Amino acid sequence: FFNSFLKTMPEDMHKAFHIMWQETTAETAHVVWKADPFIPL
């Protein structure tokens, strides 16, 4: 999955990555993020 995801990802998408919200508990984590303009959510 990640081989394909990284190969098809626009070159500068990782620079646009921004965490909008995250929460962790003992053994769980939830992250809401964006990489505008490529991935708005």
PDB file of all heavy atoms in Angstrom:
ATOM      1  N   PHE A   1       0.830  -1.205   0.000  1.00  0.00           N
ATOM      2  CA  PHE A   1       0.000   0.000   0.000  1.00  0.00           C
ATOM      3  C   PHE A   1       0.866   1.257   0.000  1.00  0.00           C
ATOM      4  O   PHE A   1       0.672   2.149  -0.818  1.00  0.00           O
ATOM      5  CB  PHE A   1      -0.933   0.030   1.218  1.00  0.00           C
ATOM      6  CG  PHE A   1      -1.601   1.363   1.384  1.00  0.00           C
ATOM      7  CD1 PHE A   1      -2.740   1.676   0.655  1.00  0.00           C
ATOM      8  CD2 PHE A   1      -1.067   2.330   2.226  1.00  0.00           C
ATOM      9  CE1 PHE A   1      -3.346   2.926   0.769  1.00  0.00           C
ATOM     10  CE2 PHE A   1      -1.664   3.575   2.353  1.00  0.00           C
ATOM     11  CZ  PHE A   1      -2.803   3.873   1.627  1.00  0.00           C
ATOM     12  N   PHE A   2       1.827   1.333   0.926  1.00  0.00           N
ATOM     13  CA  PHE A   2       2.618   2.553   1.046  1.00  0.00           C
ATOM     14  C   PHE A   2       3.568   2.760  -0.135  1.00  0.00           C
ATOM     15  O   PHE A   2       3.831   3.898  -0.512  1.00  0.00           O
ATOM     16  CB  PHE A   2       3.371   2.595   2.377  1.00  0.00           C
ATOM     17  CG  PHE A   2       2.498   3.060   3.501  1.00  0.00           C
ATOM     18  CD1 PHE A   2       2.101   2.192   4.498  1.00  0.00           C
ATOM     19  CD2 PHE A   2       2.054   4.373   3.564  1.00  0.00           C
ATOM     20  CE1 PHE A   2       1.291   2.621   5.530  1.00  0.00           C
ATOM     21  CE2 PHE A   2       1.238   4.819   4.589  1.00  0.00           C
ATOM     22  CZ  PHE A   2       0.862   3.934   5.581  1.00  0.00           C
ATOM     23  N   ASN A   3       4.073   1.691  -0.733  1.00  0.00           N
ATOM     24  CA  ASN A   3       4.862   1.847  -1.961  1.00  0.00           C
ATOM     25  C   ASN A   3       4.046   2.569  -3.016  1.00  0.00           C
ATOM     26  O   ASN A   3       4.511   3.520  -3.648  1.00  0.00           O
ATOM     27  CB  ASN A   3       5.327   0.489  -2.495  1.00  0.00           C
ATOM     28  CG  ASN A   3       6.655   0.064  -1.968  1.00  0.00           C
ATOM     29  OD1 ASN A   3       7.517   0.876  -1.684  1.00  0.00           O
ATOM     30  ND2 ASN A   3       6.828  -1.242  -1.828  1.00  0.00           N
ATOM     31  N   SER A   4       2.822   2.122  -3.218  1.00  0.00           N
ATOM     32  CA  SER A   4       1.947   2.743  -4.202  1.00  0.00           C
ATOM     33  C   SER A   4       1.585   4.165  -3.798  1.00  0.00           C
ATOM     34  O   SER A   4       1.636   5.092  -4.620  1.00  0.00           O
ATOM     35  CB  SER A   4       0.677   1.901  -4.365  1.00  0.00           C
ATOM     36  OG  SER A   4      -0.218   2.535  -5.240  1.00  0.00           O
ATOM     37  N   PHE A   5       1.222   4.359  -2.539  1.00  0.00           N
ATOM     38  CA  PHE A   5       0.828   5.686  -2.056  1.00  0.00           C
ATOM     39  C   PHE A   5       1.959   6.698  -2.229  1.00  0.00           C
ATOM     40  O   PHE A   5       1.749   7.793  -2.746  1.00  0.00           O
ATOM     41  CB  PHE A   5       0.412   5.597  -0.586  1.00  0.00           C
ATOM     42  CG  PHE A   5      -0.060   6.900   0.006  1.00  0.00           C
ATOM     43  CD1 PHE A   5      -1.315   7.394  -0.288  1.00  0.00           C
ATOM     44  CD2 PHE A   5       0.755   7.622   0.862  1.00  0.00           C
ATOM     45  CE1 PHE A   5      -1.756   8.597   0.262  1.00  0.00           C
ATOM     46  CE2 PHE A   5       0.333   8.822   1.413  1.00  0.00           C
ATOM     47  CZ  PHE A   5      -0.938   9.306   1.110  1.00  0.00           C
ATOM     48  N   LEU A   6       3.159   6.331  -1.832  1.00  0.00           N
ATOM     49  CA  LEU A   6       4.287   7.260  -1.930  1.00  0.00           C
ATOM     50  C   LEU A   6       4.678   7.536  -3.381  1.00  0.00           C
ATOM     51  O   LEU A   6       5.079   8.649  -3.717  1.00  0.00           O
ATOM     52  CB  LEU A   6       5.486   6.742  -1.139  1.00  0.00           C
ATOM     53  CG  LEU A   6       5.311   6.752   0.379  1.00  0.00           C
ATOM     54  CD1 LEU A   6       6.480   6.044   1.063  1.00  0.00           C
ATOM     55  CD2 LEU A   6       5.143   8.166   0.918  1.00  0.00           C
ATOM     56  N   LYS A   7       4.564   6.537  -4.254  1.00  0.00           N
ATOM     57  CA  LYS A   7       4.915   6.733  -5.661  1.00  0.00           C
ATOM     58  C   LYS A   7       3.911   7.614  -6.389  1.00  0.00           C
ATOM     59  O   LYS A   7       4.275   8.320  -7.325  1.00  0.00           O
ATOM     60  CB  LYS A   7       5.027   5.385  -6.375  1.00  0.00           C
ATOM     61  CG  LYS A   7       6.280   4.641  -6.032  1.00  0.00           C
ATOM     62  CD  LYS A   7       6.346   3.311  -6.743  1.00  0.00           C
ATOM     63  CE  LYS A   7       7.592   2.559  -6.315  1.00  0.00           C
ATOM     64  NZ  LYS A   7       7.619   1.214  -6.892  1.00  0.00           N
ATOM     65  N   THR A   8       2.649   7.564  -5.982  1.00  0.00           N
ATOM     66  CA  THR A   8       1.619   8.342  -6.670  1.00  0.00           C
ATOM     67  C   THR A   8       1.359   9.695  -6.010  1.00  0.00           C
ATOM     68  O   THR A   8       0.627  10.514  -6.559  1.00  0.00           O
ATOM     69  CB  THR A   8       0.296   7.558  -6.742  1.00  0.00           C
ATOM     70  OG1 THR A   8      -0.145   7.260  -5.418  1.00  0.00           O
ATOM     71  CG2 THR A   8       0.469   6.278  -7.542  1.00  0.00           C
ATOM     72  N   MET A   9       1.954   9.920  -4.861  1.00  0.00           N
ATOM     73  CA  MET A   9       1.768  11.173  -4.140  1.00  0.00           C
ATOM     74  C   MET A   9       2.462  12.311  -4.890  1.00  0.00           C
ATOM     75  O   MET A   9       3.595  12.148  -5.338  1.00  0.00           O
ATOM     76  CB  MET A   9       2.379  11.005  -2.736  1.00  0.00           C
ATOM     77  CG  MET A   9       2.200  12.183  -1.834  1.00  0.00           C
ATOM     78  SD  MET A   9       2.753  11.813  -0.142  1.00  0.00           S
ATOM     79  CE  MET A   9       4.520  11.720  -0.363  1.00  0.00           C
ATOM     80  N   PRO A  10       1.790  13.452  -5.052  1.00  0.00           N
ATOM     81  CA  PRO A  10       2.465  14.600  -5.672  1.00  0.00           C
ATOM     82  C   PRO A  10       3.756  14.940  -4.929  1.00  0.00           C
ATOM     83  O   PRO A  10       3.842  14.787  -3.703  1.00  0.00           O
ATOM     84  CB  PRO A  10       1.441  15.728  -5.541  1.00  0.00           C
ATOM     85  CG  PRO A  10       0.125  15.034  -5.439  1.00  0.00           C
ATOM     86  CD  PRO A  10       0.405  13.759  -4.699  1.00  0.00           C
ATOM     87  N   GLU A  11       4.748  15.397  -5.649  1.00  0.00           N
ATOM     88  CA  GLU A  11       6.093  15.607  -5.101  1.00  0.00           C
ATOM     89  C   GLU A  11       6.123  16.470  -3.843  1.00  0.00           C
ATOM     90  O   GLU A  11       6.853  16.173  -2.905  1.00  0.00           O
ATOM     91  CB  GLU A  11       6.986  16.230  -6.167  1.00  0.00           C
ATOM     92  CG  GLU A  11       8.429  16.355  -5.740  1.00  0.00           C
ATOM     93  CD  GLU A  11       9.299  16.883  -6.857  1.00  0.00           C
ATOM     94  OE1 GLU A  11       9.048  16.525  -8.020  1.00  0.00           O
ATOM     95  OE2 GLU A  11      10.226  17.640  -6.551  1.00  0.00           O
ATOM     96  N   ASP A  12       5.345  17.522  -3.790  1.00  0.00           N
ATOM     97  CA  ASP A  12       5.385  18.435  -2.646  1.00  0.00           C
ATOM     98  C   ASP A  12       4.272  18.204  -1.636  1.00  0.00           C
ATOM     99  O   ASP A  12       4.089  19.007  -0.720  1.00  0.00           O
ATOM    100  CB  ASP A  12       5.332  19.885  -3.129  1.00  0.00           C
ATOM    101  CG  ASP A  12       6.609  20.306  -3.811  1.00  0.00           C
ATOM    102  OD1 ASP A  12       7.665  19.701  -3.522  1.00  0.00           O
ATOM    103  OD2 ASP A  12       6.566  21.235  -4.635  1.00  0.00           O
ATOM    104  N   MET A  13       3.539  17.109  -1.763  1.00  0.00           N
ATOM    105  CA  MET A  13       2.420  16.894  -0.854  1.00  0.00           C
ATOM    106  C   MET A  13       2.872  16.802   0.598  1.00  0.00           C
ATOM    107  O   MET A  13       2.220  17.337   1.490  1.00  0.00           O
ATOM    108  CB  MET A  13       1.628  15.653  -1.227  1.00  0.00           C
ATOM    109  CG  MET A  13       0.325  15.565  -0.444  1.00  0.00           C
ATOM    110  SD  MET A  13      -0.667  14.155  -0.907  1.00  0.00           S
ATOM    111  CE  MET A  13      -0.123  12.984   0.319  1.00  0.00           C
ATOM    112  N   HIS A  14       3.986  16.140   0.860  1.00  0.00           N
ATOM    113  CA  HIS A  14       4.438  15.987   2.248  1.00  0.00           C
ATOM    114  C   HIS A  14       4.735  17.340   2.896  1.00  0.00           C
ATOM    115  O   HIS A  14       4.583  17.508   4.094  1.00  0.00           O
ATOM    116  CB  HIS A  14       5.648  15.053   2.334  1.00  0.00           C
ATOM    117  CG  HIS A  14       6.896  15.607   1.741  1.00  0.00           C
ATOM    118  ND1 HIS A  14       7.096  15.677   0.383  1.00  0.00           N
ATOM    119  CD2 HIS A  14       7.986  16.131   2.323  1.00  0.00           C
ATOM    120  CE1 HIS A  14       8.271  16.223   0.155  1.00  0.00           C
ATOM    121  NE2 HIS A  14       8.835  16.520   1.307  1.00  0.00           N
ATOM    122  N   LYS A  15       5.117  18.330   2.082  1.00  0.00           N
ATOM    123  CA  LYS A  15       5.372  19.668   2.618  1.00  0.00           C
ATOM    124  C   LYS A  15       4.069  20.368   3.012  1.00  0.00           C
ATOM    125  O   LYS A  15       4.080  21.268   3.846  1.00  0.00           O
ATOM    126  CB  LYS A  15       6.127  20.519   1.597  1.00  0.00           C
ATOM    127  CG  LYS A  15       7.533  20.026   1.339  1.00  0.00           C
ATOM    128  CD  LYS A  15       8.210  20.866   0.279  1.00  0.00           C
ATOM    129  CE  LYS A  15       9.588  20.308  -0.054  1.00  0.00           C
ATOM    130  NZ  LYS A  15      10.213  21.044  -1.147  1.00  0.00           N
ATOM    131  N   ALA A  16       2.968  19.967   2.405  1.00  0.00           N
ATOM    132  CA  ALA A  16       1.670  20.579   2.692  1.00  0.00           C
ATOM    133  C   ALA A  16       0.952  19.896   3.859  1.00  0.00           C
ATOM    134  O   ALA A  16      -0.091  20.372   4.301  1.00  0.00           O
ATOM    135  CB  ALA A  16       0.791  20.517   1.443  1.00  0.00           C
ATOM    136  N   PHE A  17       1.513  18.812   4.381  1.00  0.00           N
ATOM    137  CA  PHE A  17       0.878  18.052   5.455  1.00  0.00           C
ATOM    138  C   PHE A  17       0.730  18.911   6.709  1.00  0.00           C
ATOM    139  O   PHE A  17       1.675  19.550   7.161  1.00  0.00           O
ATOM    140  CB  PHE A  17       1.713  16.804   5.770  1.00  0.00           C
ATOM    141  CG  PHE A  17       1.142  15.969   6.878  1.00  0.00           C
ATOM    142  CD1 PHE A  17       0.120  15.077   6.623  1.00  0.00           C
ATOM    143  CD2 PHE A  17       1.633  16.086   8.171  1.00  0.00           C
ATOM    144  CE1 PHE A  17      -0.410  14.305   7.645  1.00  0.00           C
ATOM    145  CE2 PHE A  17       1.109  15.317   9.198  1.00  0.00           C
ATOM    146  CZ  PHE A  17       0.086  14.426   8.933  1.00  0.00           C
ATOM    147  N   HIS A  18      -0.486  18.907   7.263  1.00  0.00           N
ATOM    148  CA  HIS A  18      -0.765  19.687   8.472  1.00  0.00           C
ATOM    149  C   HIS A  18      -1.782  18.928   9.336  1.00  0.00           C
ATOM    150  O   HIS A  18      -2.848  18.534   8.831  1.00  0.00           O
ATOM    151  CB  HIS A  18      -1.319  21.061   8.105  1.00  0.00           C
ATOM    152  CG  HIS A  18      -1.810  21.842   9.271  1.00  0.00           C
ATOM    153  ND1 HIS A  18      -0.961  22.437  10.178  1.00  0.00           N
ATOM    154  CD2 HIS A  18      -3.069  22.105   9.692  1.00  0.00           C
ATOM    155  CE1 HIS A  18      -1.670  23.040  11.112  1.00  0.00           C
ATOM    156  NE2 HIS A  18      -2.953  22.860  10.828  1.00  0.00           N
ATOM    157  N   ILE A  19      -1.456  18.715  10.584  1.00  0.00           N
ATOM    158  CA  ILE A  19      -2.395  18.072  11.507  1.00  0.00           C
ATOM    159  C   ILE A  19      -3.384  19.125  11.993  1.00  0.00           C
ATOM    160  O   ILE A  19      -2.991  20.157  12.536  1.00  0.00           O
ATOM    161  CB  ILE A  19      -1.657  17.424  12.686  1.00  0.00           C
ATOM    162  CG1 ILE A  19      -0.796  16.271  12.178  1.00  0.00           C
ATOM    163  CG2 ILE A  19      -2.660  16.941  13.741  1.00  0.00           C
ATOM    164  CD1 ILE A  19       0.071  15.633  13.237  1.00  0.00           C
ATOM    165  N   MET A  20      -4.654  18.858  11.782  1.00  0.00           N
ATOM    166  CA  MET A  20      -5.702  19.767  12.237  1.00  0.00           C
ATOM    167  C   MET A  20      -6.135  19.435  13.659  1.00  0.00           C
ATOM    168  O   MET A  20      -6.522  20.314  14.412  1.00  0.00           O
ATOM    169  CB  MET A  20      -6.898  19.711  11.276  1.00  0.00           C
ATOM    170  CG  MET A  20      -6.497  20.162   9.881  1.00  0.00           C
ATOM    171  SD  MET A  20      -7.728  20.073   8.548  1.00  0.00           S
ATOM    172  CE  MET A  20      -9.103  19.216   9.129  1.00  0.00           C
ATOM    173  N   TRP A  21      -6.079  18.134  14.016  1.00  0.00           N
ATOM    174  CA  TRP A  21      -6.506  17.712  15.351  1.00  0.00           C
ATOM    175  C   TRP A  21      -5.950  16.318  15.602  1.00  0.00           C
ATOM    176  O   TRP A  21      -5.899  15.498  14.694  1.00  0.00           O
ATOM    177  CB  TRP A  21      -8.036  17.688  15.420  1.00  0.00           C
ATOM    178  CG  TRP A  21      -8.600  17.312  16.733  1.00  0.00           C
ATOM    179  CD1 TRP A  21      -8.765  18.112  17.819  1.00  0.00           C
ATOM    180  CD2 TRP A  21      -9.094  16.025  17.124  1.00  0.00           C
ATOM    181  NE1 TRP A  21      -9.326  17.405  18.855  1.00  0.00           N
ATOM    182  CE2 TRP A  21      -9.537  16.113  18.444  1.00  0.00           C
ATOM    183  CE3 TRP A  21      -9.191  14.792  16.468  1.00  0.00           C
ATOM    184  CZ2 TRP A  21     -10.078  15.045  19.136  1.00  0.00           C
ATOM    185  CZ3 TRP A  21      -9.725  13.723  17.158  1.00  0.00           C
ATOM    186  CH2 TRP A  21     -10.171  13.852  18.477  1.00  0.00           C
ATOM    187  N   GLN A  22      -5.525  16.078  16.826  1.00  0.00           N
ATOM    188  CA  GLN A  22      -5.149  14.716  17.200  1.00  0.00           C
ATOM    189  C   GLN A  22      -5.438  14.495  18.669  1.00  0.00           C
ATOM    190  O   GLN A  22      -5.419  15.424  19.469  1.00  0.00           O
ATOM    191  CB  GLN A  22      -3.686  14.404  16.881  1.00  0.00           C
ATOM    192  CG  GLN A  22      -2.678  14.976  17.834  1.00  0.00           C
ATOM    193  CD  GLN A  22      -1.264  14.585  17.445  1.00  0.00           C
ATOM    194  OE1 GLN A  22      -0.899  14.613  16.278  1.00  0.00           O
ATOM    195  NE2 GLN A  22      -0.463  14.224  18.412  1.00  0.00           N
ATOM    196  N   GLU A  23      -5.739  13.250  18.990  1.00  0.00           N
ATOM    197  CA  GLU A  23      -6.033  12.873  20.370  1.00  0.00           C
ATOM    198  C   GLU A  23      -5.463  11.480  20.609  1.00  0.00           C
ATOM    199  O   GLU A  23      -5.546  10.611  19.732  1.00  0.00           O
ATOM    200  CB  GLU A  23      -7.542  12.877  20.599  1.00  0.00           C
ATOM    201  CG  GLU A  23      -7.969  12.585  22.000  1.00  0.00           C
ATOM    202  CD  GLU A  23      -7.587  13.687  22.995  1.00  0.00           C
ATOM    203  OE1 GLU A  23      -7.611  14.870  22.611  1.00  0.00           O
ATOM    204  OE2 GLU A  23      -7.262  13.354  24.147  1.00  0.00           O
ATOM    205  N   THR A  24      -4.875  11.285  21.755  1.00  0.00           N
ATOM    206  CA  THR A  24      -4.370   9.964  22.119  1.00  0.00           C
ATOM    207  C   THR A  24      -4.935   9.564  23.471  1.00  0.00           C
ATOM    208  O   THR A  24      -5.233  10.402  24.317  1.00  0.00           O
ATOM    209  CB  THR A  24      -2.833   9.933  22.203  1.00  0.00           C
ATOM    210  OG1 THR A  24      -2.399  10.882  23.172  1.00  0.00           O
ATOM    211  CG2 THR A  24      -2.198  10.219  20.867  1.00  0.00           C
ATOM    212  N   THR A  25      -5.109   8.263  23.628  1.00  0.00           N
ATOM    213  CA  THR A  25      -5.435   7.680  24.918  1.00  0.00           C
ATOM    214  C   THR A  25      -4.356   6.646  25.176  1.00  0.00           C
ATOM    215  O   THR A  25      -3.337   6.633  24.488  1.00  0.00           O
ATOM    216  CB  THR A  25      -6.834   7.046  24.923  1.00  0.00           C
ATOM    217  OG1 THR A  25      -6.848   5.981  23.970  1.00  0.00           O
ATOM    218  CG2 THR A  25      -7.913   8.055  24.597  1.00  0.00           C
ATOM    219  N   ALA A  26      -4.593   5.775  26.101  1.00  0.00           N
ATOM    220  CA  ALA A  26      -3.560   4.801  26.471  1.00  0.00           C
ATOM    221  C   ALA A  26      -2.989   4.066  25.261  1.00  0.00           C
ATOM    222  O   ALA A  26      -1.783   4.071  25.050  1.00  0.00           O
ATOM    223  CB  ALA A  26      -4.112   3.806  27.485  1.00  0.00           C
ATOM    224  N   GLU A  27      -3.841   3.452  24.455  1.00  0.00           N
ATOM    225  CA  GLU A  27      -3.359   2.658  23.324  1.00  0.00           C
ATOM    226  C   GLU A  27      -3.981   3.053  21.993  1.00  0.00           C
ATOM    227  O   GLU A  27      -3.853   2.314  21.015  1.00  0.00           O
ATOM    228  CB  GLU A  27      -3.616   1.166  23.562  1.00  0.00           C
ATOM    229  CG  GLU A  27      -2.760   0.577  24.651  1.00  0.00           C
ATOM    230  CD  GLU A  27      -2.956  -0.918  24.781  1.00  0.00           C
ATOM    231  OE1 GLU A  27      -4.124  -1.363  24.886  1.00  0.00           O
ATOM    232  OE2 GLU A  27      -1.947  -1.637  24.770  1.00  0.00           O
ATOM    233  N   THR A  28      -4.633   4.197  21.924  1.00  0.00           N
ATOM    234  CA  THR A  28      -5.250   4.613  20.679  1.00  0.00           C
ATOM    235  C   THR A  28      -4.863   6.045  20.337  1.00  0.00           C
ATOM    236  O   THR A  28      -4.507   6.835  21.211  1.00  0.00           O
ATOM    237  CB  THR A  28      -6.793   4.526  20.732  1.00  0.00           C
ATOM    238  OG1 THR A  28      -7.283   5.426  21.736  1.00  0.00           O
ATOM    239  CG2 THR A  28      -7.257   3.113  21.022  1.00  0.00           C
ATOM    240  N   ALA A  29      -4.939   6.341  19.054  1.00  0.00           N
ATOM    241  CA  ALA A  29      -4.704   7.705  18.581  1.00  0.00           C
ATOM    242  C   ALA A  29      -5.620   7.957  17.392  1.00  0.00           C
ATOM    243  O   ALA A  29      -5.895   7.052  16.598  1.00  0.00           O
ATOM    244  CB  ALA A  29      -3.245   7.892  18.171  1.00  0.00           C
ATOM    245  N   HIS A  30      -6.079   9.186  17.289  1.00  0.00           N
ATOM    246  CA  HIS A  30      -6.899   9.604  16.166  1.00  0.00           C
ATOM    247  C   HIS A  30      -6.313  10.911  15.651  1.00  0.00           C
ATOM    248  O   HIS A  30      -6.040  11.822  16.430  1.00  0.00           O
ATOM    249  CB  HIS A  30      -8.358   9.792  16.569  1.00  0.00           C
ATOM    250  CG  HIS A  30      -9.238  10.194  15.434  1.00  0.00           C
ATOM    251  ND1 HIS A  30      -9.556   9.326  14.408  1.00  0.00           N
ATOM    252  CD2 HIS A  30      -9.838  11.359  15.138  1.00  0.00           C
ATOM    253  CE1 HIS A  30     -10.339   9.958  13.545  1.00  0.00           C
ATOM    254  NE2 HIS A  30     -10.518  11.191  13.961  1.00  0.00           N
ATOM    255  N   VAL A  31      -6.120  10.989  14.333  1.00  0.00           N
ATOM    256  CA  VAL A  31      -5.515  12.164  13.722  1.00  0.00           C
ATOM    257  C   VAL A  31      -6.393  12.616  12.557  1.00  0.00           C
ATOM    258  O   VAL A  31      -6.781  11.806  11.707  1.00  0.00           O
ATOM    259  CB  VAL A  31      -4.090  11.854  13.194  1.00  0.00           C
ATOM    260  CG1 VAL A  31      -3.473  13.087  12.564  1.00  0.00           C
ATOM    261  CG2 VAL A  31      -3.211  11.307  14.307  1.00  0.00           C
ATOM    262  N   VAL A  32      -6.691  13.902  12.530  1.00  0.00           N
ATOM    263  CA  VAL A  32      -7.381  14.523  11.393  1.00  0.00           C
ATOM    264  C   VAL A  32      -6.374  15.480  10.778  1.00  0.00           C
ATOM    265  O   VAL A  32      -5.772  16.289  11.487  1.00  0.00           O
ATOM    266  CB  VAL A  32      -8.657  15.275  11.837  1.00  0.00           C
ATOM    267  CG1 VAL A  32      -9.326  15.945  10.643  1.00  0.00           C
ATOM    268  CG2 VAL A  32      -9.615  14.324  12.548  1.00  0.00           C
ATOM    269  N   TRP A  33      -6.166  15.371   9.475  1.00  0.00           N
ATOM    270  CA  TRP A  33      -5.092  16.124   8.829  1.00  0.00           C
ATOM    271  C   TRP A  33      -5.508  16.572   7.438  1.00  0.00           C
ATOM    272  O   TRP A  33      -6.550  16.179   6.930  1.00  0.00           O
ATOM    273  CB  TRP A  33      -3.822  15.279   8.771  1.00  0.00           C
ATOM    274  CG  TRP A  33      -4.004  13.933   8.111  1.00  0.00           C
ATOM    275  CD1 TRP A  33      -4.428  12.780   8.708  1.00  0.00           C
ATOM    276  CD2 TRP A  33      -3.792  13.616   6.733  1.00  0.00           C
ATOM    277  NE1 TRP A  33      -4.490  11.764   7.778  1.00  0.00           N
ATOM    278  CE2 TRP A  33      -4.093  12.248   6.563  1.00  0.00           C
ATOM    279  CE3 TRP A  33      -3.368  14.346   5.639  1.00  0.00           C
ATOM    280  CZ2 TRP A  33      -3.987  11.608   5.344  1.00  0.00           C
ATOM    281  CZ3 TRP A  33      -3.261  13.713   4.409  1.00  0.00           C
ATOM    282  CH2 TRP A  33      -3.570  12.347   4.277  1.00  0.00           C
ATOM    283  N   LYS A  34      -4.667  17.394   6.844  1.00  0.00           N
ATOM    284  CA  LYS A  34      -4.879  17.813   5.465  1.00  0.00           C
ATOM    285  C   LYS A  34      -3.515  18.035   4.818  1.00  0.00           C
ATOM    286  O   LYS A  34      -2.494  18.158   5.504  1.00  0.00           O
ATOM    287  CB  LYS A  34      -5.714  19.092   5.389  1.00  0.00           C
ATOM    288  CG  LYS A  34      -5.060  20.307   6.009  1.00  0.00           C
ATOM    289  CD  LYS A  34      -5.974  21.505   5.925  1.00  0.00           C
ATOM    290  CE  LYS A  34      -5.341  22.711   6.605  1.00  0.00           C
ATOM    291  NZ  LYS A  34      -6.191  23.892   6.497  1.00  0.00           N
ATOM    292  N   ALA A  35      -3.523  18.097   3.503  1.00  0.00           N
ATOM    293  CA  ALA A  35      -2.335  18.423   2.711  1.00  0.00           C
ATOM    294  C   ALA A  35      -2.829  19.218   1.509  1.00  0.00           C
ATOM    295  O   ALA A  35      -2.831  18.742   0.379  1.00  0.00           O
ATOM    296  CB  ALA A  35      -1.581  17.174   2.294  1.00  0.00           C
ATOM    297  N   ASP A  36      -3.310  20.410   1.787  1.00  0.00           N
ATOM    298  CA  ASP A  36      -3.867  21.274   0.740  1.00  0.00           C
ATOM    299  C   ASP A  36      -2.806  21.659  -0.270  1.00  0.00           C
ATOM    300  O   ASP A  36      -1.680  21.928   0.106  1.00  0.00           O
ATOM    301  CB  ASP A  36      -4.464  22.550   1.351  1.00  0.00           C
ATOM    302  CG  ASP A  36      -5.869  22.351   1.884  1.00  0.00           C
ATOM    303  OD1 ASP A  36      -6.577  21.463   1.373  1.00  0.00           O
ATOM    304  OD2 ASP A  36      -6.248  23.094   2.797  1.00  0.00           O
ATOM    305  N   PRO A  37      -3.141  21.667  -1.527  1.00  0.00           N
ATOM    306  CA  PRO A  37      -4.450  21.496  -2.148  1.00  0.00           C
ATOM    307  C   PRO A  37      -4.730  20.064  -2.572  1.00  0.00           C
ATOM    308  O   PRO A  37      -5.761  19.784  -3.174  1.00  0.00           O
ATOM    309  CB  PRO A  37      -4.362  22.397  -3.376  1.00  0.00           C
ATOM    310  CG  PRO A  37      -2.928  22.245  -3.810  1.00  0.00           C
ATOM    311  CD  PRO A  37      -2.143  22.127  -2.521  1.00  0.00           C
ATOM    312  N   PHE A  38      -3.845  19.146  -2.248  1.00  0.00           N
ATOM    313  CA  PHE A  38      -3.953  17.763  -2.725  1.00  0.00           C
ATOM    314  C   PHE A  38      -5.007  16.955  -1.966  1.00  0.00           C
ATOM    315  O   PHE A  38      -5.791  16.232  -2.566  1.00  0.00           O
ATOM    316  CB  PHE A  38      -2.605  17.059  -2.616  1.00  0.00           C
ATOM    317  CG  PHE A  38      -1.462  17.884  -3.122  1.00  0.00           C
ATOM    318  CD1 PHE A  38      -0.579  18.490  -2.236  1.00  0.00           C
ATOM    319  CD2 PHE A  38      -1.273  18.090  -4.474  1.00  0.00           C
ATOM    320  CE1 PHE A  38       0.473  19.255  -2.686  1.00  0.00           C
ATOM    321  CE2 PHE A  38      -0.224  18.867  -4.946  1.00  0.00           C
ATOM    322  CZ  PHE A  38       0.654  19.460  -4.046  1.00  0.00           C
ATOM    323  N   ILE A  39      -4.969  17.034  -0.648  1.00  0.00           N
ATOM    324  CA  ILE A  39      -5.888  16.297   0.207  1.00  0.00           C
ATOM    325  C   ILE A  39      -6.467  17.281   1.221  1.00  0.00           C
ATOM    326  O   ILE A  39      -5.797  17.632   2.191  1.00  0.00           O
ATOM    327  CB  ILE A  39      -5.187  15.124   0.927  1.00  0.00           C
ATOM    328  CG1 ILE A  39      -4.621  14.140  -0.088  1.00  0.00           C
ATOM    329  CG2 ILE A  39      -6.158  14.422   1.872  1.00  0.00           C
ATOM    330  CD1 ILE A  39      -3.822  13.003   0.521  1.00  0.00           C
ATOM    331  N   PRO A  40      -7.704  17.738   1.011  1.00  0.00           N
ATOM    332  CA  PRO A  40      -8.279  18.685   1.953  1.00  0.00           C
ATOM    333  C   PRO A  40      -8.725  18.050   3.273  1.00  0.00           C
ATOM    334  O   PRO A  40      -8.956  18.758   4.242  1.00  0.00           O
ATOM    335  CB  PRO A  40      -9.465  19.287   1.203  1.00  0.00           C
ATOM    336  CG  PRO A  40      -9.794  18.305   0.141  1.00  0.00           C
ATOM    337  CD  PRO A  40      -8.535  17.564  -0.185  1.00  0.00           C
ATOM    338  N   LEU A  41      -8.803  16.716   3.305  1.00  0.00           N
ATOM    339  CA  LEU A  41      -9.196  16.042   4.537  1.00  0.00           C
ATOM    340  C   LEU A  41      -8.669  14.614   4.542  1.00  0.00           C
ATOM    341  O   LEU A  41      -8.865  13.865   3.586  1.00  0.00           O
ATOM    342  CB  LEU A  41     -10.724  16.023   4.689  1.00  0.00           C
ATOM    343  CG  LEU A  41     -11.254  15.303   5.925  1.00  0.00           C
ATOM    344  CD1 LEU A  41     -10.796  16.026   7.203  1.00  0.00           C
ATOM    345  CD2 LEU A  41     -12.770  15.221   5.883  1.00  0.00           C
TER     346      LEU A  41
END
